[in-house]
Amino acid sequence: MSAARDTVTVCEVGPRDGLQMAQGRMATDVKLRWIRQLADAGLREIEVGSFVSPRMIPQMADTGEVVRGVLAIDGLTVCALACNLKGAIAAHDAGAHVVAIPVSVSDTHSRANVNKGTDDQVEMVRGIVDWVRAQARPMRIDVAAATAFGCSMEGDVPRQRVAQVATALAATGVDRIALADTVGYAHPALVRDTVREVQDAIGARLTKLHLHDTMGLGLANALAGLELGIREFDSCLGGLGGCPFAPGASGNIVTEDLVFMLESMGLATGVDLQRLIAARGLLHESLPDEPLRSGVAAAGIPRTFRSNAPVRGL
């Protein structure tokens, strides 16, 4: 690393990924208050919901209202997930700054998740890109290559296949590509090998990792990504989340613990850890039956913690 503090973007996905598996539903006004708390803590990019069928995921039925309700938050990049052109159009109409599209590398998971095979989903992405680029208002197009590190239905996912799908996605003209450990099967060596393979294929178009903590290796995997230059990570307050269509998938890496690790290493996130932990209160109040994880929230912020720590080598 250089002597200057590197910046890492932490994208909070709790209002989308975190809530889509919750047993209860967070009221719209509470979502808006919670997202503002997260933004006030310094999170500059938040995935606030998904434009999907409310019949399949009722927790996301108010996403349009949520997007419109948070656009006024100064400095916040508002991201919404969409699985098809209809959803992308809805995201654009609502005013989202970013649309995030999942494309599963595992064909079996793709069919379970969006009722399309992987190759058909790539072509669908091409149609979304064409539509968005034709609009007067720009909208960033991100794609997550899901099940990039393993699939609970197919097992191993070959690195070569991940690179092949990433290459096809890059050719559609999307802005950014992420690799997603949808079911949390990754380990640091696999992350290093896969990220290198995809970087060799598409270069700097690979910007982000979306990691789950199913096996307790989420932060170790994030560190492996950092070593290879990845500077964007999805995470979820309290470690909630998971994919409804991937058996065995569990929560995302914990935003509080990720921020603690990054800031302790001298990497700048712009996030106030104390305010971030305080935002757990509204989440627990609204969904008291959802278990919230976090080592730093349970133990308390150590007296040795410094958010402006000197840069330490990886």
C-alpha atoms as a PDB file:
ATOM      1  CA  MET A   1       0.000   0.000   0.000  1.00  0.00           C
ATOM      2  CA  SER A   2       1.032   3.607  -0.431  1.00  0.00           C
ATOM      3  CA  ALA A   3       1.654   5.910   2.527  1.00  0.00           C
ATOM      4  CA  ALA A   4      -1.604   7.759   1.881  1.00  0.00           C
ATOM      5  CA  ARG A   5      -4.719   6.185   3.282  1.00  0.00           C
ATOM      6  CA  ASP A   6      -6.466   4.081   0.668  1.00  0.00           C
ATOM      7  CA  THR A   7     -10.232   4.527   0.518  1.00  0.00           C
ATOM      8  CA  VAL A   8     -12.534   1.535   0.671  1.00  0.00           C
ATOM      9  CA  THR A   9     -16.197   1.835  -0.271  1.00  0.00           C
ATOM     10  CA  VAL A  10     -18.520  -0.101   2.018  1.00  0.00           C
ATOM     11  CA  CYS A  11     -21.914  -0.566   0.375  1.00  0.00           C
ATOM     12  CA  GLU A  12     -24.602  -1.315   2.943  1.00  0.00           C
ATOM     13  CA  VAL A  13     -27.059  -3.912   1.602  1.00  0.00           C
ATOM     14  CA  GLY A  14     -29.126  -4.343   4.752  1.00  0.00           C
ATOM     15  CA  PRO A  15     -32.302  -2.654   3.445  1.00  0.00           C
ATOM     16  CA  ARG A  16     -32.280  -5.120   0.539  1.00  0.00           C
ATOM     17  CA  ASP A  17     -30.316  -8.301   1.206  1.00  0.00           C
ATOM     18  CA  GLY A  18     -30.701  -8.021   4.952  1.00  0.00           C
ATOM     19  CA  LEU A  19     -34.467  -7.604   4.973  1.00  0.00           C
ATOM     20  CA  GLN A  20     -35.422  -9.961   2.138  1.00  0.00           C
ATOM     21  CA  MET A  21     -34.982 -13.005   4.405  1.00  0.00           C
ATOM     22  CA  ALA A  22     -36.485 -11.431   7.532  1.00  0.00           C
ATOM     23  CA  GLN A  23     -39.508 -13.115   9.025  1.00  0.00           C
ATOM     24  CA  GLY A  24     -41.202  -9.799   9.700  1.00  0.00           C
ATOM     25  CA  ARG A  25     -41.610  -6.695   7.546  1.00  0.00           C
ATOM     26  CA  MET A  26     -40.085  -3.336   8.355  1.00  0.00           C
ATOM     27  CA  ALA A  27     -42.568  -0.522   7.847  1.00  0.00           C
ATOM     28  CA  THR A  28     -41.718   1.943   5.093  1.00  0.00           C
ATOM     29  CA  ASP A  29     -41.342   4.919   7.404  1.00  0.00           C
ATOM     30  CA  VAL A  30     -38.991   2.898   9.601  1.00  0.00           C
ATOM     31  CA  LYS A  31     -36.923   1.888   6.558  1.00  0.00           C
ATOM     32  CA  LEU A  32     -36.557   5.537   5.636  1.00  0.00           C
ATOM     33  CA  ARG A  33     -35.447   6.463   9.150  1.00  0.00           C
ATOM     34  CA  TRP A  34     -33.034   3.523   9.255  1.00  0.00           C
ATOM     35  CA  ILE A  35     -31.462   4.372   5.905  1.00  0.00           C
ATOM     36  CA  ARG A  36     -30.979   7.958   7.057  1.00  0.00           C
ATOM     37  CA  GLN A  37     -29.262   6.705  10.206  1.00  0.00           C
ATOM     38  CA  LEU A  38     -26.944   4.562   8.070  1.00  0.00           C
ATOM     39  CA  ALA A  39     -26.168   7.534   5.835  1.00  0.00           C
ATOM     40  CA  ASP A  40     -25.594   9.768   8.868  1.00  0.00           C
ATOM     41  CA  ALA A  41     -23.049   7.197  10.071  1.00  0.00           C
ATOM     42  CA  GLY A  42     -21.083   7.881   6.891  1.00  0.00           C
ATOM     43  CA  LEU A  43     -22.177   5.126   4.523  1.00  0.00           C
ATOM     44  CA  ARG A  44     -22.184   6.721   1.075  1.00  0.00           C
ATOM     45  CA  GLU A  45     -23.678   3.844  -0.949  1.00  0.00           C
ATOM     46  CA  ILE A  46     -26.726   1.903   0.205  1.00  0.00           C
ATOM     47  CA  GLU A  47     -28.718  -0.765  -1.613  1.00  0.00           C
ATOM     48  CA  VAL A  48     -32.160   0.297  -0.448  1.00  0.00           C
ATOM     49  CA  GLY A  49     -34.368  -2.419  -1.976  1.00  0.00           C
ATOM     50  CA  SER A  50     -35.145  -4.548  -4.988  1.00  0.00           C
ATOM     51  CA  PHE A  51     -37.658  -4.229  -7.788  1.00  0.00           C
ATOM     52  CA  VAL A  52     -38.891  -7.806  -7.734  1.00  0.00           C
ATOM     53  CA  SER A  53     -42.275  -9.447  -7.484  1.00  0.00           C
ATOM     54  CA  PRO A  54     -43.836  -8.583  -4.104  1.00  0.00           C
ATOM     55  CA  ARG A  55     -45.550 -11.947  -4.313  1.00  0.00           C
ATOM     56  CA  MET A  56     -42.152 -13.643  -4.150  1.00  0.00           C
ATOM     57  CA  ILE A  57     -40.445 -11.227  -1.733  1.00  0.00           C
ATOM     58  CA  PRO A  58     -43.106  -9.147   0.037  1.00  0.00           C
ATOM     59  CA  GLN A  59     -40.507  -7.311   2.125  1.00  0.00           C
ATOM     60  CA  MET A  60     -39.533  -5.412  -1.032  1.00  0.00           C
ATOM     61  CA  ALA A  61     -43.032  -4.284  -2.075  1.00  0.00           C
ATOM     62  CA  ASP A  62     -42.331  -0.642  -1.113  1.00  0.00           C
ATOM     63  CA  THR A  63     -38.978  -0.277  -2.894  1.00  0.00           C
ATOM     64  CA  GLY A  64     -40.181   2.460  -5.246  1.00  0.00           C
ATOM     65  CA  GLU A  65     -41.400   4.553  -2.327  1.00  0.00           C
ATOM     66  CA  VAL A  66     -38.173   3.920  -0.429  1.00  0.00           C
ATOM     67  CA  VAL A  67     -35.986   4.966  -3.376  1.00  0.00           C
ATOM     68  CA  ARG A  68     -37.939   8.167  -3.854  1.00  0.00           C
ATOM     69  CA  GLY A  69     -37.852   8.832  -0.118  1.00  0.00           C
ATOM     70  CA  VAL A  70     -34.064   8.715   0.246  1.00  0.00           C
ATOM     71  CA  LEU A  71     -32.994  10.570  -2.892  1.00  0.00           C
ATOM     72  CA  ALA A  72     -32.801  13.800  -0.918  1.00  0.00           C
ATOM     73  CA  ILE A  73     -30.106  12.471   1.428  1.00  0.00           C
ATOM     74  CA  ASP A  74     -27.062  14.538   0.564  1.00  0.00           C
ATOM     75  CA  GLY A  75     -24.137  12.571  -0.850  1.00  0.00           C
ATOM     76  CA  LEU A  76     -25.896   9.199  -0.828  1.00  0.00           C
ATOM     77  CA  THR A  77     -25.641   6.895  -3.834  1.00  0.00           C
ATOM     78  CA  VAL A  78     -28.996   5.108  -3.973  1.00  0.00           C
ATOM     79  CA  CYS A  79     -28.767   1.599  -5.354  1.00  0.00           C
ATOM     80  CA  ALA A  80     -31.597  -0.836  -6.127  1.00  0.00           C
ATOM     81  CA  LEU A  81     -31.518  -4.412  -7.354  1.00  0.00           C
ATOM     82  CA  ALA A  82     -33.415  -5.601 -10.418  1.00  0.00           C
ATOM     83  CA  CYS A  83     -33.493  -9.036 -12.049  1.00  0.00           C
ATOM     84  CA  ASN A  84     -34.923  -8.053 -15.437  1.00  0.00           C
ATOM     85  CA  LEU A  85     -35.690  -5.133 -17.740  1.00  0.00           C
ATOM     86  CA  LYS A  86     -39.027  -4.431 -16.062  1.00  0.00           C
ATOM     87  CA  GLY A  87     -37.279  -4.045 -12.724  1.00  0.00           C
ATOM     88  CA  ALA A  88     -34.532  -1.891 -14.227  1.00  0.00           C
ATOM     89  CA  ILE A  89     -37.123   0.430 -15.769  1.00  0.00           C
ATOM     90  CA  ALA A  90     -38.866   0.695 -12.395  1.00  0.00           C
ATOM     91  CA  ALA A  91     -35.525   1.511 -10.727  1.00  0.00           C
ATOM     92  CA  HIS A  92     -34.846   4.225 -13.291  1.00  0.00           C
ATOM     93  CA  ASP A  93     -38.355   5.653 -13.021  1.00  0.00           C
ATOM     94  CA  ALA A  94     -38.016   5.839  -9.232  1.00  0.00           C
ATOM     95  CA  GLY A  95     -34.753   7.776  -9.586  1.00  0.00           C
ATOM     96  CA  ALA A  96     -32.179   5.200  -8.436  1.00  0.00           C
ATOM     97  CA  HIS A  97     -28.587   6.196  -9.123  1.00  0.00           C
ATOM     98  CA  VAL A  98     -27.485   2.577  -9.562  1.00  0.00           C
ATOM     99  CA  VAL A  99     -29.209  -0.605 -10.648  1.00  0.00           C
ATOM    100  CA  ALA A 100     -27.595  -3.845  -9.508  1.00  0.00           C
ATOM    101  CA  ILE A 101     -28.331  -6.981 -11.525  1.00  0.00           C
ATOM    102  CA  PRO A 102     -27.563 -10.515 -10.303  1.00  0.00           C
ATOM    103  CA  VAL A 103     -26.311 -13.054 -12.846  1.00  0.00           C
ATOM    104  CA  SER A 104     -25.592 -16.499 -11.454  1.00  0.00           C
ATOM    105  CA  VAL A 105     -22.551 -18.338 -12.762  1.00  0.00           C
ATOM    106  CA  SER A 106     -24.257 -21.561 -11.678  1.00  0.00           C
ATOM    107  CA  ASP A 107     -26.946 -22.318 -14.241  1.00  0.00           C
ATOM    108  CA  THR A 108     -29.018 -24.246 -11.682  1.00  0.00           C
ATOM    109  CA  HIS A 109     -29.052 -21.318  -9.276  1.00  0.00           C
ATOM    110  CA  SER A 110     -29.845 -18.929 -12.117  1.00  0.00           C
ATOM    111  CA  ARG A 111     -32.947 -20.903 -13.018  1.00  0.00           C
ATOM    112  CA  ALA A 112     -34.026 -21.065  -9.362  1.00  0.00           C
ATOM    113  CA  ASN A 113     -33.390 -17.361  -8.822  1.00  0.00           C
ATOM    114  CA  VAL A 114     -34.668 -15.727 -12.022  1.00  0.00           C
ATOM    115  CA  ASN A 115     -36.149 -18.596 -14.053  1.00  0.00           C
ATOM    116  CA  LYS A 116     -33.487 -18.158 -16.759  1.00  0.00           C
ATOM    117  CA  GLY A 117     -30.249 -19.912 -17.566  1.00  0.00           C
ATOM    118  CA  THR A 118     -27.002 -18.008 -17.157  1.00  0.00           C
ATOM    119  CA  ASP A 119     -26.481 -17.311 -20.867  1.00  0.00           C
ATOM    120  CA  ASP A 120     -30.036 -16.017 -21.235  1.00  0.00           C
ATOM    121  CA  GLN A 121     -29.538 -13.774 -18.207  1.00  0.00           C
ATOM    122  CA  VAL A 122     -26.393 -12.305 -19.776  1.00  0.00           C
ATOM    123  CA  GLU A 123     -28.413 -11.439 -22.881  1.00  0.00           C
ATOM    124  CA  MET A 124     -31.051  -9.881 -20.657  1.00  0.00           C
ATOM    125  CA  VAL A 125     -28.338  -7.673 -19.153  1.00  0.00           C
ATOM    126  CA  ARG A 126     -27.413  -6.549 -22.672  1.00  0.00           C
ATOM    127  CA  GLY A 127     -31.015  -5.441 -23.184  1.00  0.00           C
ATOM    128  CA  ILE A 128     -30.975  -3.492 -19.919  1.00  0.00           C
ATOM    129  CA  VAL A 129     -27.753  -1.739 -20.926  1.00  0.00           C
ATOM    130  CA  ASP A 130     -29.229  -0.774 -24.287  1.00  0.00           C
ATOM    131  CA  TRP A 131     -32.383   0.597 -22.652  1.00  0.00           C
ATOM    132  CA  VAL A 132     -30.574   2.552 -19.917  1.00  0.00           C
ATOM    133  CA  ARG A 133     -28.078   4.090 -22.336  1.00  0.00           C
ATOM    134  CA  ALA A 134     -30.976   5.360 -24.449  1.00  0.00           C
ATOM    135  CA  GLN A 135     -32.475   7.344 -21.548  1.00  0.00           C
ATOM    136  CA  ALA A 136     -31.832  11.019 -20.877  1.00  0.00           C
ATOM    137  CA  ARG A 137     -31.014  10.406 -17.211  1.00  0.00           C
ATOM    138  CA  PRO A 138     -27.922   8.263 -16.674  1.00  0.00           C
ATOM    139  CA  MET A 139     -28.000   5.340 -14.261  1.00  0.00           C
ATOM    140  CA  ARG A 140     -24.981   3.270 -13.322  1.00  0.00           C
ATOM    141  CA  ILE A 141     -25.301  -0.426 -14.149  1.00  0.00           C
ATOM    142  CA  ASP A 142     -23.628  -2.882 -11.787  1.00  0.00           C
ATOM    143  CA  VAL A 143     -23.719  -6.647 -12.162  1.00  0.00           C
ATOM    144  CA  ALA A 144     -22.936  -9.262  -9.514  1.00  0.00           C
ATOM    145  CA  ALA A 145     -21.701 -12.631 -10.745  1.00  0.00           C
ATOM    146  CA  ALA A 146     -23.522 -14.729  -8.154  1.00  0.00           C
ATOM    147  CA  THR A 147     -22.357 -18.153  -6.908  1.00  0.00           C
ATOM    148  CA  ALA A 148     -18.873 -17.245  -8.133  1.00  0.00           C
ATOM    149  CA  PHE A 149     -17.228 -19.263  -5.362  1.00  0.00           C
ATOM    150  CA  GLY A 150     -19.544 -22.255  -5.151  1.00  0.00           C
ATOM    151  CA  CYS A 151     -23.182 -23.273  -5.330  1.00  0.00           C
ATOM    152  CA  SER A 152     -25.271 -25.215  -2.836  1.00  0.00           C
ATOM    153  CA  MET A 153     -26.996 -26.965  -5.754  1.00  0.00           C
ATOM    154  CA  GLU A 154     -24.093 -27.621  -8.136  1.00  0.00           C
ATOM    155  CA  GLY A 155     -21.121 -27.640  -5.787  1.00  0.00           C
ATOM    156  CA  ASP A 156     -17.829 -26.351  -7.198  1.00  0.00           C
ATOM    157  CA  VAL A 157     -17.981 -23.578  -9.775  1.00  0.00           C
ATOM    158  CA  PRO A 158     -14.879 -23.648 -12.029  1.00  0.00           C
ATOM    159  CA  ARG A 159     -12.829 -20.448 -12.014  1.00  0.00           C
ATOM    160  CA  GLN A 160     -12.658 -20.589 -15.783  1.00  0.00           C
ATOM    161  CA  ARG A 161     -16.447 -20.466 -15.944  1.00  0.00           C
ATOM    162  CA  VAL A 162     -16.516 -17.468 -13.602  1.00  0.00           C
ATOM    163  CA  ALA A 163     -14.040 -15.651 -15.849  1.00  0.00           C
ATOM    164  CA  GLN A 164     -16.057 -16.636 -18.941  1.00  0.00           C
ATOM    165  CA  VAL A 165     -19.281 -15.210 -17.499  1.00  0.00           C
ATOM    166  CA  ALA A 166     -17.496 -12.067 -16.275  1.00  0.00           C
ATOM    167  CA  THR A 167     -16.041 -11.567 -19.758  1.00  0.00           C
ATOM    168  CA  ALA A 168     -19.483 -11.930 -21.334  1.00  0.00           C
ATOM    169  CA  LEU A 169     -20.912  -9.425 -18.855  1.00  0.00           C
ATOM    170  CA  ALA A 170     -18.131  -6.940 -19.535  1.00  0.00           C
ATOM    171  CA  ALA A 171     -18.929  -7.200 -23.240  1.00  0.00           C
ATOM    172  CA  THR A 172     -22.502  -6.041 -22.597  1.00  0.00           C
ATOM    173  CA  GLY A 173     -21.207  -2.623 -21.554  1.00  0.00           C
ATOM    174  CA  VAL A 174     -22.080  -2.678 -17.845  1.00  0.00           C
ATOM    175  CA  ASP A 175     -20.190  -0.215 -15.671  1.00  0.00           C
ATOM    176  CA  ARG A 176     -18.982  -2.440 -12.843  1.00  0.00           C
ATOM    177  CA  ILE A 177     -18.797  -6.137 -12.056  1.00  0.00           C
ATOM    178  CA  ALA A 178     -18.738  -7.797  -8.637  1.00  0.00           C
ATOM    179  CA  LEU A 179     -18.074 -11.379  -7.612  1.00  0.00           C
ATOM    180  CA  ALA A 180     -20.612 -12.694  -5.117  1.00  0.00           C
ATOM    181  CA  ASP A 181     -20.117 -15.527  -2.649  1.00  0.00           C
ATOM    182  CA  THR A 182     -23.854 -16.111  -2.567  1.00  0.00           C
ATOM    183  CA  VAL A 183     -23.808 -19.127  -0.263  1.00  0.00           C
ATOM    184  CA  GLY A 184     -20.648 -18.301   1.693  1.00  0.00           C
ATOM    185  CA  TYR A 185     -18.543 -21.262   0.594  1.00  0.00           C
ATOM    186  CA  ALA A 186     -15.419 -19.249  -0.273  1.00  0.00           C
ATOM    187  CA  HIS A 187     -12.089 -19.400   1.537  1.00  0.00           C
ATOM    188  CA  PRO A 188      -9.159 -17.002   1.118  1.00  0.00           C
ATOM    189  CA  ALA A 189      -7.169 -19.153  -1.312  1.00  0.00           C
ATOM    190  CA  LEU A 190     -10.235 -19.582  -3.540  1.00  0.00           C
ATOM    191  CA  VAL A 191     -10.933 -15.844  -3.398  1.00  0.00           C
ATOM    192  CA  ARG A 192      -7.359 -15.048  -4.412  1.00  0.00           C
ATOM    193  CA  ASP A 193      -7.334 -17.542  -7.278  1.00  0.00           C
ATOM    194  CA  THR A 194     -10.756 -16.536  -8.612  1.00  0.00           C
ATOM    195  CA  VAL A 195     -10.194 -12.786  -8.323  1.00  0.00           C
ATOM    196  CA  ARG A 196      -6.858 -13.119 -10.135  1.00  0.00           C
ATOM    197  CA  GLU A 197      -8.463 -15.147 -12.917  1.00  0.00           C
ATOM    198  CA  VAL A 198     -11.235 -12.594 -13.398  1.00  0.00           C
ATOM    199  CA  GLN A 199      -8.838  -9.657 -13.186  1.00  0.00           C
ATOM    200  CA  ASP A 200      -6.754 -11.272 -15.920  1.00  0.00           C
ATOM    201  CA  ALA A 201      -9.924 -11.551 -18.023  1.00  0.00           C
ATOM    202  CA  ILE A 202     -11.595  -8.151 -17.489  1.00  0.00           C
ATOM    203  CA  GLY A 203      -9.097  -6.006 -15.614  1.00  0.00           C
ATOM    204  CA  ALA A 204     -10.347  -3.032 -13.614  1.00  0.00           C
ATOM    205  CA  ARG A 205     -13.983  -3.716 -14.540  1.00  0.00           C
ATOM    206  CA  LEU A 206     -13.972  -6.059 -11.530  1.00  0.00           C
ATOM    207  CA  THR A 207     -14.434  -3.680  -8.615  1.00  0.00           C
ATOM    208  CA  LYS A 208     -16.300  -5.361  -5.765  1.00  0.00           C
ATOM    209  CA  LEU A 209     -16.805  -8.467  -3.636  1.00  0.00           C
ATOM    210  CA  HIS A 210     -20.165  -9.448  -2.129  1.00  0.00           C
ATOM    211  CA  LEU A 211     -19.326 -11.875   0.666  1.00  0.00           C
ATOM    212  CA  HIS A 212     -21.383 -14.016   3.013  1.00  0.00           C
ATOM    213  CA  ASP A 213     -20.228 -15.400   6.334  1.00  0.00           C
ATOM    214  CA  THR A 214     -21.808 -18.854   6.267  1.00  0.00           C
ATOM    215  CA  MET A 215     -18.572 -20.598   7.279  1.00  0.00           C
ATOM    216  CA  GLY A 216     -17.199 -17.741   9.371  1.00  0.00           C
ATOM    217  CA  LEU A 217     -14.613 -16.789   6.740  1.00  0.00           C
ATOM    218  CA  GLY A 218     -16.172 -13.579   5.461  1.00  0.00           C
ATOM    219  CA  LEU A 219     -13.601 -11.118   6.811  1.00  0.00           C
ATOM    220  CA  ALA A 220     -10.708 -13.430   5.892  1.00  0.00           C
ATOM    221  CA  ASN A 221     -12.081 -13.467   2.359  1.00  0.00           C
ATOM    222  CA  ALA A 222     -12.379  -9.685   2.359  1.00  0.00           C
ATOM    223  CA  LEU A 223      -8.721  -9.457   3.369  1.00  0.00           C
ATOM    224  CA  ALA A 224      -7.800 -11.732   0.453  1.00  0.00           C
ATOM    225  CA  GLY A 225      -9.652  -9.371  -1.864  1.00  0.00           C
ATOM    226  CA  LEU A 226      -7.923  -6.333  -0.368  1.00  0.00           C
ATOM    227  CA  GLU A 227      -4.547  -7.926  -1.066  1.00  0.00           C
ATOM    228  CA  LEU A 228      -5.462  -8.005  -4.761  1.00  0.00           C
ATOM    229  CA  GLY A 229      -6.630  -4.409  -4.912  1.00  0.00           C
ATOM    230  CA  ILE A 230     -10.388  -4.786  -4.387  1.00  0.00           C
ATOM    231  CA  ARG A 231     -11.644  -1.623  -2.721  1.00  0.00           C
ATOM    232  CA  GLU A 232     -15.431  -2.087  -2.718  1.00  0.00           C
ATOM    233  CA  PHE A 233     -17.352  -4.495  -0.497  1.00  0.00           C
ATOM    234  CA  ASP A 234     -21.019  -5.196   0.180  1.00  0.00           C
ATOM    235  CA  SER A 235     -21.952  -5.850   3.807  1.00  0.00           C
ATOM    236  CA  CYS A 236     -24.958  -5.797   6.088  1.00  0.00           C
ATOM    237  CA  LEU A 237     -25.563  -4.257   9.491  1.00  0.00           C
ATOM    238  CA  GLY A 238     -25.872  -7.060  12.018  1.00  0.00           C
ATOM    239  CA  GLY A 239     -24.900  -9.656   9.415  1.00  0.00           C
ATOM    240  CA  LEU A 240     -28.467 -10.266   8.253  1.00  0.00           C
ATOM    241  CA  GLY A 241     -29.327 -11.573   4.817  1.00  0.00           C
ATOM    242  CA  GLY A 242     -29.162 -14.506   2.463  1.00  0.00           C
ATOM    243  CA  CYS A 243     -30.642 -15.694  -0.796  1.00  0.00           C
ATOM    244  CA  PRO A 244     -34.182 -17.141  -0.666  1.00  0.00           C
ATOM    245  CA  PHE A 245     -33.383 -19.332  -3.685  1.00  0.00           C
ATOM    246  CA  ALA A 246     -30.037 -20.764  -2.531  1.00  0.00           C
ATOM    247  CA  PRO A 247     -30.401 -23.526   0.073  1.00  0.00           C
ATOM    248  CA  GLY A 248     -28.049 -23.037   3.005  1.00  0.00           C
ATOM    249  CA  ALA A 249     -27.238 -19.397   2.298  1.00  0.00           C
ATOM    250  CA  SER A 250     -26.885 -17.307   5.432  1.00  0.00           C
ATOM    251  CA  GLY A 251     -25.955 -13.783   6.406  1.00  0.00           C
ATOM    252  CA  ASN A 252     -23.691 -11.223   4.809  1.00  0.00           C
ATOM    253  CA  ILE A 253     -20.429 -10.089   6.316  1.00  0.00           C
ATOM    254  CA  VAL A 254     -21.109  -7.724   9.194  1.00  0.00           C
ATOM    255  CA  THR A 255     -20.753  -4.035   8.328  1.00  0.00           C
ATOM    256  CA  GLU A 256     -19.694  -3.086  11.856  1.00  0.00           C
ATOM    257  CA  ASP A 257     -16.903  -5.677  11.935  1.00  0.00           C
ATOM    258  CA  LEU A 258     -15.782  -4.899   8.377  1.00  0.00           C
ATOM    259  CA  VAL A 259     -15.498  -1.183   9.171  1.00  0.00           C
ATOM    260  CA  PHE A 260     -13.605  -1.971  12.373  1.00  0.00           C
ATOM    261  CA  MET A 261     -11.132  -4.156  10.470  1.00  0.00           C
ATOM    262  CA  LEU A 262     -10.611  -1.696   7.630  1.00  0.00           C
ATOM    263  CA  GLU A 263     -10.197   1.383   9.815  1.00  0.00           C
ATOM    264  CA  SER A 264      -7.886  -0.484  12.202  1.00  0.00           C
ATOM    265  CA  MET A 265      -5.709  -1.341   9.201  1.00  0.00           C
ATOM    266  CA  GLY A 266      -5.508   2.309   8.188  1.00  0.00           C
ATOM    267  CA  LEU A 267      -7.988   2.110   5.330  1.00  0.00           C
ATOM    268  CA  ALA A 268     -10.433   5.006   5.105  1.00  0.00           C
ATOM    269  CA  THR A 269     -14.145   4.138   4.986  1.00  0.00           C
ATOM    270  CA  GLY A 270     -15.607   7.475   6.063  1.00  0.00           C
ATOM    271  CA  VAL A 271     -17.862   5.591   8.500  1.00  0.00           C
ATOM    272  CA  ASP A 272     -18.337   6.591  12.133  1.00  0.00           C
ATOM    273  CA  LEU A 273     -18.271   3.234  13.915  1.00  0.00           C
ATOM    274  CA  GLN A 274     -20.106   4.459  17.006  1.00  0.00           C
ATOM    275  CA  ARG A 275     -22.991   5.872  14.944  1.00  0.00           C
ATOM    276  CA  LEU A 276     -23.045   2.714  12.854  1.00  0.00           C
ATOM    277  CA  ILE A 277     -23.474   0.516  15.920  1.00  0.00           C
ATOM    278  CA  ALA A 278     -26.190   2.856  17.206  1.00  0.00           C
ATOM    279  CA  ALA A 279     -28.157   2.207  13.984  1.00  0.00           C
ATOM    280  CA  ARG A 280     -28.653  -1.381  15.172  1.00  0.00           C
ATOM    281  CA  GLY A 281     -31.156  -0.073  17.709  1.00  0.00           C
ATOM    282  CA  LEU A 282     -33.863   0.802  15.187  1.00  0.00           C
ATOM    283  CA  LEU A 283     -33.262  -2.471  13.337  1.00  0.00           C
ATOM    284  CA  HIS A 284     -33.703  -4.496  16.536  1.00  0.00           C
ATOM    285  CA  GLU A 285     -36.716  -2.448  17.589  1.00  0.00           C
ATOM    286  CA  SER A 286     -38.450  -3.045  14.258  1.00  0.00           C
ATOM    287  CA  LEU A 287     -37.484  -6.723  13.877  1.00  0.00           C
ATOM    288  CA  PRO A 288     -36.877  -7.978  17.429  1.00  0.00           C
ATOM    289  CA  ASP A 289     -36.857 -11.649  16.430  1.00  0.00           C
ATOM    290  CA  GLU A 290     -33.992 -11.269  13.942  1.00  0.00           C
ATOM    291  CA  PRO A 291     -30.646 -12.241  15.478  1.00  0.00           C
ATOM    292  CA  LEU A 292     -28.003  -9.559  14.962  1.00  0.00           C
ATOM    293  CA  ARG A 293     -24.331 -10.512  14.816  1.00  0.00           C
ATOM    294  CA  SER A 294     -21.186  -8.436  15.334  1.00  0.00           C
ATOM    295  CA  GLY A 295     -18.087  -8.976  17.392  1.00  0.00           C
ATOM    296  CA  VAL A 296     -17.401  -5.284  17.832  1.00  0.00           C
ATOM    297  CA  ALA A 297     -21.005  -4.501  18.813  1.00  0.00           C
ATOM    298  CA  ALA A 298     -20.999  -7.328  21.381  1.00  0.00           C
ATOM    299  CA  ALA A 299     -17.618  -6.484  22.895  1.00  0.00           C
ATOM    300  CA  GLY A 300     -17.739  -2.722  22.474  1.00  0.00           C
ATOM    301  CA  ILE A 301     -15.346  -0.530  20.542  1.00  0.00           C
ATOM    302  CA  PRO A 302     -11.874  -1.145  22.020  1.00  0.00           C
ATOM    303  CA  ARG A 303     -10.117   1.794  23.668  1.00  0.00           C
ATOM    304  CA  THR A 304      -7.207   1.097  21.337  1.00  0.00           C
ATOM    305  CA  PHE A 305      -9.320   1.705  18.219  1.00  0.00           C
ATOM    306  CA  ARG A 306      -8.282   4.620  16.036  1.00  0.00           C
ATOM    307  CA  SER A 307     -10.288   5.472  12.923  1.00  0.00           C
ATOM    308  CA  ASN A 308      -7.295   7.341  11.534  1.00  0.00           C
ATOM    309  CA  ALA A 309      -4.824   4.542  12.178  1.00  0.00           C
ATOM    310  CA  PRO A 310      -1.594   4.625  10.188  1.00  0.00           C
ATOM    311  CA  VAL A 311      -1.581   2.523   7.031  1.00  0.00           C
ATOM    312  CA  ARG A 312      -0.336  -1.009   7.632  1.00  0.00           C
ATOM    313  CA  GLY A 313       0.908  -3.299   4.919  1.00  0.00           C
ATOM    314  CA  LEU A 314      -1.275  -6.157   3.747  1.00  0.00           C
END
